[in-house]
Amino acid sequence: MEKEILTIEEVANMFSVSKRTVYTLLKENILHGVKIGGQWRFLKKDLLKVFLSQNTQEESDPSNE
């Protein structure tokens, strides 16, 4: 069974970025998570939505050409 709730480390691995980058994305309100017992947790479905929306924005941005 695939995990639906992920830690900071798992999110970093999922997107192939550092944990620091995940914290920065949280601070910039790009990623959304919940702090439980002093540790961040993320719903995988929410992360995929963010990834897909960011990807769509880049494809439609004319400055990328």
N, C-alpha and C. Protein backbone atom coordinates (compact mmCIF):
# COMPACT_ATOMS: atom_id res chain seq x y z
N MET A 1 0.83 -1.18 0.00
CA MET A 1 0.00 0.00 0.00
C MET A 1 0.88 1.25 0.00
N GLU A 2 0.58 2.20 -0.86
CA GLU A 2 1.36 3.42 -0.99
C GLU A 2 0.98 4.41 0.10
N LYS A 3 1.98 5.10 0.66
CA LYS A 3 1.74 6.08 1.72
C LYS A 3 0.99 7.29 1.17
N GLU A 4 0.03 7.78 1.95
CA GLU A 4 -0.73 8.96 1.56
C GLU A 4 -0.26 10.20 2.31
N ILE A 5 0.39 10.00 3.46
CA ILE A 5 0.90 11.10 4.26
C ILE A 5 2.42 11.01 4.29
N LEU A 6 3.08 12.12 3.94
CA LEU A 6 4.53 12.12 3.78
C LEU A 6 5.21 13.09 4.74
N THR A 7 6.48 12.81 5.05
CA THR A 7 7.32 13.67 5.88
C THR A 7 8.09 14.65 4.98
N ILE A 8 8.77 15.58 5.61
CA ILE A 8 9.64 16.53 4.88
C ILE A 8 10.65 15.76 4.02
N GLU A 9 11.28 14.76 4.59
CA GLU A 9 12.29 13.99 3.87
C GLU A 9 11.68 13.30 2.65
N GLU A 10 10.50 12.74 2.81
CA GLU A 10 9.85 12.04 1.71
C GLU A 10 9.44 13.01 0.61
N VAL A 11 8.99 14.20 0.99
CA VAL A 11 8.63 15.22 0.00
C VAL A 11 9.87 15.64 -0.77
N ALA A 12 10.96 15.87 -0.06
CA ALA A 12 12.22 16.25 -0.71
C ALA A 12 12.66 15.18 -1.71
N ASN A 13 12.57 13.93 -1.32
CA ASN A 13 12.92 12.83 -2.23
C ASN A 13 11.97 12.75 -3.41
N MET A 14 10.70 12.97 -3.15
CA MET A 14 9.68 12.89 -4.21
C MET A 14 9.97 13.90 -5.32
N PHE A 15 10.37 15.12 -4.93
CA PHE A 15 10.62 16.19 -5.90
C PHE A 15 12.10 16.34 -6.25
N SER A 16 12.95 15.49 -5.68
CA SER A 16 14.40 15.54 -5.92
C SER A 16 14.98 16.91 -5.59
N VAL A 17 14.61 17.41 -4.41
CA VAL A 17 15.13 18.68 -3.91
C VAL A 17 15.62 18.47 -2.48
N SER A 18 16.25 19.49 -1.93
CA SER A 18 16.72 19.40 -0.54
C SER A 18 15.57 19.69 0.43
N LYS A 19 15.78 19.30 1.69
CA LYS A 19 14.79 19.61 2.72
C LYS A 19 14.65 21.13 2.87
N ARG A 20 15.76 21.84 2.72
CA ARG A 20 15.73 23.31 2.81
C ARG A 20 14.77 23.89 1.75
N THR A 21 14.79 23.34 0.56
CA THR A 21 13.90 23.80 -0.50
C THR A 21 12.44 23.56 -0.11
N VAL A 22 12.16 22.42 0.49
CA VAL A 22 10.79 22.12 0.93
C VAL A 22 10.35 23.16 1.97
N TYR A 23 11.23 23.48 2.92
CA TYR A 23 10.91 24.50 3.92
C TYR A 23 10.66 25.86 3.26
N THR A 24 11.46 26.20 2.25
CA THR A 24 11.28 27.46 1.53
C THR A 24 9.93 27.48 0.82
N LEU A 25 9.57 26.37 0.18
CA LEU A 25 8.28 26.30 -0.51
C LEU A 25 7.12 26.40 0.48
N LEU A 26 7.29 25.88 1.67
CA LEU A 26 6.28 26.05 2.73
C LEU A 26 6.15 27.52 3.10
N LYS A 27 7.28 28.17 3.32
CA LYS A 27 7.29 29.58 3.72
C LYS A 27 6.65 30.46 2.65
N GLU A 28 6.84 30.11 1.38
CA GLU A 28 6.29 30.89 0.26
C GLU A 28 4.86 30.47 -0.07
N ASN A 29 4.28 29.60 0.74
CA ASN A 29 2.90 29.11 0.55
C ASN A 29 2.68 28.41 -0.79
N ILE A 30 3.73 27.81 -1.31
CA ILE A 30 3.59 27.01 -2.53
C ILE A 30 3.19 25.59 -2.15
N LEU A 31 3.81 25.07 -1.09
CA LEU A 31 3.41 23.78 -0.54
C LEU A 31 2.63 24.02 0.75
N HIS A 32 1.70 23.12 1.02
CA HIS A 32 0.89 23.23 2.22
C HIS A 32 0.98 21.92 2.99
N GLY A 33 1.23 22.06 4.27
CA GLY A 33 1.32 20.90 5.14
C GLY A 33 0.75 21.21 6.49
N VAL A 34 0.82 20.23 7.37
CA VAL A 34 0.31 20.36 8.73
C VAL A 34 1.43 19.96 9.68
N LYS A 35 1.63 20.76 10.70
CA LYS A 35 2.65 20.44 11.69
C LYS A 35 1.97 19.67 12.82
N ILE A 36 2.41 18.44 13.02
CA ILE A 36 1.86 17.56 14.06
C ILE A 36 3.00 17.12 14.96
N GLY A 37 2.88 17.42 16.24
CA GLY A 37 3.94 17.03 17.17
C GLY A 37 5.29 17.60 16.81
N GLY A 38 5.29 18.80 16.24
CA GLY A 38 6.55 19.44 15.87
C GLY A 38 7.14 18.99 14.55
N GLN A 39 6.44 18.11 13.84
CA GLN A 39 6.94 17.62 12.55
C GLN A 39 5.91 17.86 11.46
N TRP A 40 6.41 18.24 10.29
CA TRP A 40 5.53 18.52 9.16
C TRP A 40 5.05 17.22 8.51
N ARG A 41 3.78 17.24 8.09
CA ARG A 41 3.19 16.13 7.34
C ARG A 41 2.44 16.71 6.13
N PHE A 42 2.47 15.98 5.04
CA PHE A 42 1.89 16.43 3.78
C PHE A 42 1.02 15.34 3.18
N LEU A 43 -0.10 15.73 2.60
CA LEU A 43 -0.92 14.78 1.86
C LEU A 43 -0.36 14.65 0.45
N LYS A 44 -0.10 13.44 0.02
CA LYS A 44 0.49 13.21 -1.29
C LYS A 44 -0.39 13.79 -2.40
N LYS A 45 -1.70 13.66 -2.29
CA LYS A 45 -2.60 14.16 -3.34
C LYS A 45 -2.47 15.68 -3.49
N ASP A 46 -2.25 16.40 -2.37
CA ASP A 46 -2.08 17.85 -2.43
C ASP A 46 -0.77 18.22 -3.11
N LEU A 47 0.28 17.45 -2.84
CA LEU A 47 1.58 17.71 -3.47
C LEU A 47 1.50 17.50 -4.98
N LEU A 48 0.80 16.47 -5.39
CA LEU A 48 0.66 16.20 -6.83
C LEU A 48 -0.11 17.32 -7.52
N LYS A 49 -1.12 17.87 -6.84
CA LYS A 49 -1.88 18.99 -7.40
C LYS A 49 -0.97 20.20 -7.60
N VAL A 50 -0.12 20.49 -6.62
CA VAL A 50 0.80 21.61 -6.72
C VAL A 50 1.77 21.38 -7.88
N PHE A 51 2.31 20.18 -7.96
CA PHE A 51 3.25 19.86 -9.04
C PHE A 51 2.60 20.03 -10.41
N LEU A 52 1.40 19.52 -10.56
CA LEU A 52 0.70 19.61 -11.84
C LEU A 52 0.35 21.06 -12.17
N SER A 53 -0.07 21.84 -11.19
CA SER A 53 -0.43 23.23 -11.46
C SER A 53 0.80 24.06 -11.80
N GLN A 54 1.92 23.81 -11.14
CA GLN A 54 3.16 24.53 -11.46
C GLN A 54 3.64 24.17 -12.87
N ASN A 55 3.53 22.91 -13.22
CA ASN A 55 3.94 22.44 -14.54
C ASN A 55 3.08 23.08 -15.62
N THR A 56 1.79 23.18 -15.39
CA THR A 56 0.87 23.78 -16.35
C THR A 56 1.16 25.27 -16.51
N GLN A 57 1.47 25.97 -15.42
CA GLN A 57 1.78 27.39 -15.48
C GLN A 57 3.04 27.63 -16.29
N GLU A 58 4.05 26.79 -16.14
CA GLU A 58 5.30 26.96 -16.88
C GLU A 58 5.07 26.74 -18.37
N GLU A 59 4.23 25.77 -18.72
CA GLU A 59 3.97 25.50 -20.13
C GLU A 59 3.22 26.65 -20.79
N SER A 60 2.36 27.33 -20.06
CA SER A 60 1.56 28.41 -20.65
C SER A 60 2.23 29.78 -20.52
N ASP A 61 3.38 29.86 -19.84
CA ASP A 61 4.08 31.13 -19.64
C ASP A 61 4.89 31.46 -20.91
N PRO A 62 4.53 32.52 -21.61
CA PRO A 62 5.25 32.87 -22.85
C PRO A 62 6.70 33.29 -22.62
N SER A 63 7.07 33.66 -21.40
CA SER A 63 8.46 34.06 -21.14
C SER A 63 9.39 32.86 -21.13
N ASN A 64 8.85 31.64 -21.13
CA ASN A 64 9.69 30.44 -21.16
C ASN A 64 10.17 30.10 -22.56
N GLU A 65 9.79 30.85 -23.54
CA GLU A 65 10.17 30.53 -24.92
C GLU A 65 11.38 31.27 -25.36
